Amino acid sequence: MRTGCRVLGLILAGLAAALLALDLYRLVQSGQFSPTDVGALWYLVHPESLQLLQPAVERHIHPILWDPITITILLSPAFLVLGILAILLLAVGQRRGRRSRRFGS
């Protein structure tokens, strides 16, 4: 489990870094910082599932979760959301340090 969390965390960290690099490249080219949001990225990857997300959240979880929470996440910069998820997964998958033994103490 820990190894899987670390691997997924590293993949997400790489994706976050790539998206940040792309957003910074666009900044240099256009002079405007307009980061790719999660919703736009999700739409590029799988538009059908994004369209099914709202009814699923509103019907099966709770309607209040859609407007303030899910919309905020979907409109957030993708590099930021993926970076936060990567940090969380890497923290969960972190190896516990071995205690060093002191000799002569």
C-alpha atoms as a PDB file:
ATOM      1  CA  MET A   1       0.000   0.000   0.000  1.00  0.00           C
ATOM      2  CA  ARG A   2       2.752   2.428   0.929  1.00  0.00           C
ATOM      3  CA  THR A   3       4.653   1.711  -2.259  1.00  0.00           C
ATOM      4  CA  GLY A   4       1.537   2.270  -4.350  1.00  0.00           C
ATOM      5  CA  CYS A   5       0.891   5.591  -2.622  1.00  0.00           C
ATOM      6  CA  ARG A   6       4.471   6.677  -3.232  1.00  0.00           C
ATOM      7  CA  VAL A   7       4.376   5.674  -6.907  1.00  0.00           C
ATOM      8  CA  LEU A   8       1.051   7.418  -7.511  1.00  0.00           C
ATOM      9  CA  GLY A   9       2.303  10.445  -5.578  1.00  0.00           C
ATOM     10  CA  LEU A  10       5.419  10.641  -7.745  1.00  0.00           C
ATOM     11  CA  ILE A  11       3.357  10.327 -10.924  1.00  0.00           C
ATOM     12  CA  LEU A  12       1.036  13.113  -9.785  1.00  0.00           C
ATOM     13  CA  ALA A  13       4.013  15.262  -8.785  1.00  0.00           C
ATOM     14  CA  GLY A  14       5.476  14.789 -12.260  1.00  0.00           C
ATOM     15  CA  LEU A  15       2.175  15.722 -13.876  1.00  0.00           C
ATOM     16  CA  ALA A  16       1.882  18.783 -11.640  1.00  0.00           C
ATOM     17  CA  ALA A  17       5.397  19.870 -12.587  1.00  0.00           C
ATOM     18  CA  ALA A  18       4.677  19.347 -16.290  1.00  0.00           C
ATOM     19  CA  LEU A  19       1.459  21.370 -16.071  1.00  0.00           C
ATOM     20  CA  LEU A  20       3.233  24.151 -14.210  1.00  0.00           C
ATOM     21  CA  ALA A  21       5.944  24.192 -16.879  1.00  0.00           C
ATOM     22  CA  LEU A  22       3.271  24.368 -19.591  1.00  0.00           C
ATOM     23  CA  ASP A  23       1.480  27.211 -17.801  1.00  0.00           C
ATOM     24  CA  LEU A  24       4.754  29.107 -17.366  1.00  0.00           C
ATOM     25  CA  TYR A  25       5.565  28.563 -21.052  1.00  0.00           C
ATOM     26  CA  ARG A  26       2.187  30.060 -21.951  1.00  0.00           C
ATOM     27  CA  LEU A  27       2.944  32.966 -19.618  1.00  0.00           C
ATOM     28  CA  VAL A  28       6.193  33.682 -21.444  1.00  0.00           C
ATOM     29  CA  GLN A  29       4.494  33.405 -24.836  1.00  0.00           C
ATOM     30  CA  SER A  30       1.416  35.513 -24.118  1.00  0.00           C
ATOM     31  CA  GLY A  31       2.388  37.643 -21.141  1.00  0.00           C
ATOM     32  CA  GLN A  32      -0.712  36.446 -19.245  1.00  0.00           C
ATOM     33  CA  PHE A  33      -0.792  33.808 -16.553  1.00  0.00           C
ATOM     34  CA  SER A  34      -3.831  31.657 -17.189  1.00  0.00           C
ATOM     35  CA  PRO A  35      -3.227  28.255 -15.619  1.00  0.00           C
ATOM     36  CA  THR A  36      -5.029  25.179 -16.867  1.00  0.00           C
ATOM     37  CA  ASP A  37      -7.887  24.394 -14.517  1.00  0.00           C
ATOM     38  CA  VAL A  38      -8.856  20.910 -13.366  1.00  0.00           C
ATOM     39  CA  GLY A  39     -12.165  20.977 -15.249  1.00  0.00           C
ATOM     40  CA  ALA A  40     -10.511  21.810 -18.577  1.00  0.00           C
ATOM     41  CA  LEU A  41      -7.907  19.111 -18.079  1.00  0.00           C
ATOM     42  CA  TRP A  42     -10.556  16.563 -17.110  1.00  0.00           C
ATOM     43  CA  TYR A  43     -12.593  17.532 -20.185  1.00  0.00           C
ATOM     44  CA  LEU A  44      -9.575  16.882 -22.406  1.00  0.00           C
ATOM     45  CA  VAL A  45      -9.014  13.456 -20.885  1.00  0.00           C
ATOM     46  CA  HIS A  46     -12.598  12.157 -20.581  1.00  0.00           C
ATOM     47  CA  PRO A  47     -15.473  14.585 -21.256  1.00  0.00           C
ATOM     48  CA  GLU A  48     -18.268  12.055 -20.691  1.00  0.00           C
ATOM     49  CA  SER A  49     -17.293  11.362 -17.090  1.00  0.00           C
ATOM     50  CA  LEU A  50     -17.043  15.070 -16.338  1.00  0.00           C
ATOM     51  CA  GLN A  51     -20.592  15.556 -17.589  1.00  0.00           C
ATOM     52  CA  LEU A  52     -21.809  12.737 -15.344  1.00  0.00           C
ATOM     53  CA  LEU A  53     -20.064  14.099 -12.267  1.00  0.00           C
ATOM     54  CA  GLN A  54     -22.633  16.738 -11.303  1.00  0.00           C
ATOM     55  CA  PRO A  55     -25.705  14.484 -11.281  1.00  0.00           C
ATOM     56  CA  ALA A  56     -23.749  11.753  -9.488  1.00  0.00           C
ATOM     57  CA  VAL A  57     -22.564  14.103  -6.735  1.00  0.00           C
ATOM     58  CA  GLU A  58     -25.941  15.795  -6.323  1.00  0.00           C
ATOM     59  CA  ARG A  59     -28.003  12.586  -6.288  1.00  0.00           C
ATOM     60  CA  HIS A  60     -25.778  10.077  -4.563  1.00  0.00           C
ATOM     61  CA  ILE A  61     -23.679  12.115  -2.155  1.00  0.00           C
ATOM     62  CA  HIS A  62     -25.193  15.496  -1.296  1.00  0.00           C
ATOM     63  CA  PRO A  63     -26.306  18.491  -3.412  1.00  0.00           C
ATOM     64  CA  ILE A  64     -24.389  20.993  -1.289  1.00  0.00           C
ATOM     65  CA  LEU A  65     -21.108  19.288  -2.217  1.00  0.00           C
ATOM     66  CA  TRP A  66     -21.476  20.269  -5.871  1.00  0.00           C
ATOM     67  CA  ASP A  67     -21.664  24.052  -5.816  1.00  0.00           C
ATOM     68  CA  PRO A  68     -19.213  25.297  -3.233  1.00  0.00           C
ATOM     69  CA  ILE A  69     -16.750  22.396  -3.103  1.00  0.00           C
ATOM     70  CA  THR A  70     -16.618  20.527  -6.409  1.00  0.00           C
ATOM     71  CA  ILE A  71     -16.960  23.668  -8.541  1.00  0.00           C
ATOM     72  CA  THR A  72     -14.110  25.304  -6.611  1.00  0.00           C
ATOM     73  CA  ILE A  73     -11.872  22.285  -7.217  1.00  0.00           C
ATOM     74  CA  LEU A  74     -12.783  22.108 -10.915  1.00  0.00           C
ATOM     75  CA  LEU A  75     -11.932  25.793 -11.379  1.00  0.00           C
ATOM     76  CA  SER A  76      -8.637  25.573  -9.460  1.00  0.00           C
ATOM     77  CA  PRO A  77      -5.275  25.365 -11.254  1.00  0.00           C
ATOM     78  CA  ALA A  78      -4.539  21.759 -12.154  1.00  0.00           C
ATOM     79  CA  PHE A  79      -0.884  21.959 -11.139  1.00  0.00           C
ATOM     80  CA  LEU A  80      -1.930  23.078  -7.655  1.00  0.00           C
ATOM     81  CA  VAL A  81      -4.561  20.384  -7.125  1.00  0.00           C
ATOM     82  CA  LEU A  82      -2.314  17.624  -8.474  1.00  0.00           C
ATOM     83  CA  GLY A  83       0.578  18.932  -6.383  1.00  0.00           C
ATOM     84  CA  ILE A  84      -1.489  18.856  -3.201  1.00  0.00           C
ATOM     85  CA  LEU A  85      -2.700  15.324  -3.975  1.00  0.00           C
ATOM     86  CA  ALA A  86       0.894  14.274  -4.660  1.00  0.00           C
ATOM     87  CA  ILE A  87       2.077  15.669  -1.332  1.00  0.00           C
ATOM     88  CA  LEU A  88      -0.731  13.901   0.520  1.00  0.00           C
ATOM     89  CA  LEU A  89      -0.030  10.575  -1.175  1.00  0.00           C
ATOM     90  CA  LEU A  90       3.707  10.880  -0.599  1.00  0.00           C
ATOM     91  CA  ALA A  91       3.061  11.651   3.076  1.00  0.00           C
ATOM     92  CA  VAL A  92       0.810   8.594   3.423  1.00  0.00           C
ATOM     93  CA  GLY A  93       3.337   6.402   1.643  1.00  0.00           C
ATOM     94  CA  GLN A  94       6.327   7.724   3.564  1.00  0.00           C
ATOM     95  CA  ARG A  95       8.523   5.121   5.137  1.00  0.00           C
ATOM     96  CA  ARG A  96       8.795   5.278   8.843  1.00  0.00           C
ATOM     97  CA  GLY A  97      12.335   6.100   9.832  1.00  0.00           C
ATOM     98  CA  ARG A  98      14.357   3.520  11.608  1.00  0.00           C
ATOM     99  CA  ARG A  99      15.549   4.494  15.005  1.00  0.00           C
ATOM    100  CA  SER A 100      19.286   4.710  15.166  1.00  0.00           C
ATOM    101  CA  ARG A 101      20.907   2.860  17.998  1.00  0.00           C
ATOM    102  CA  ARG A 102      23.485   4.651  20.002  1.00  0.00           C
ATOM    103  CA  PHE A 103      26.364   2.574  21.105  1.00  0.00           C
ATOM    104  CA  GLY A 104      28.313   3.624  24.144  1.00  0.00           C
ATOM    105  CA  SER A 105      25.571   5.857  25.527  1.00  0.00           C
END
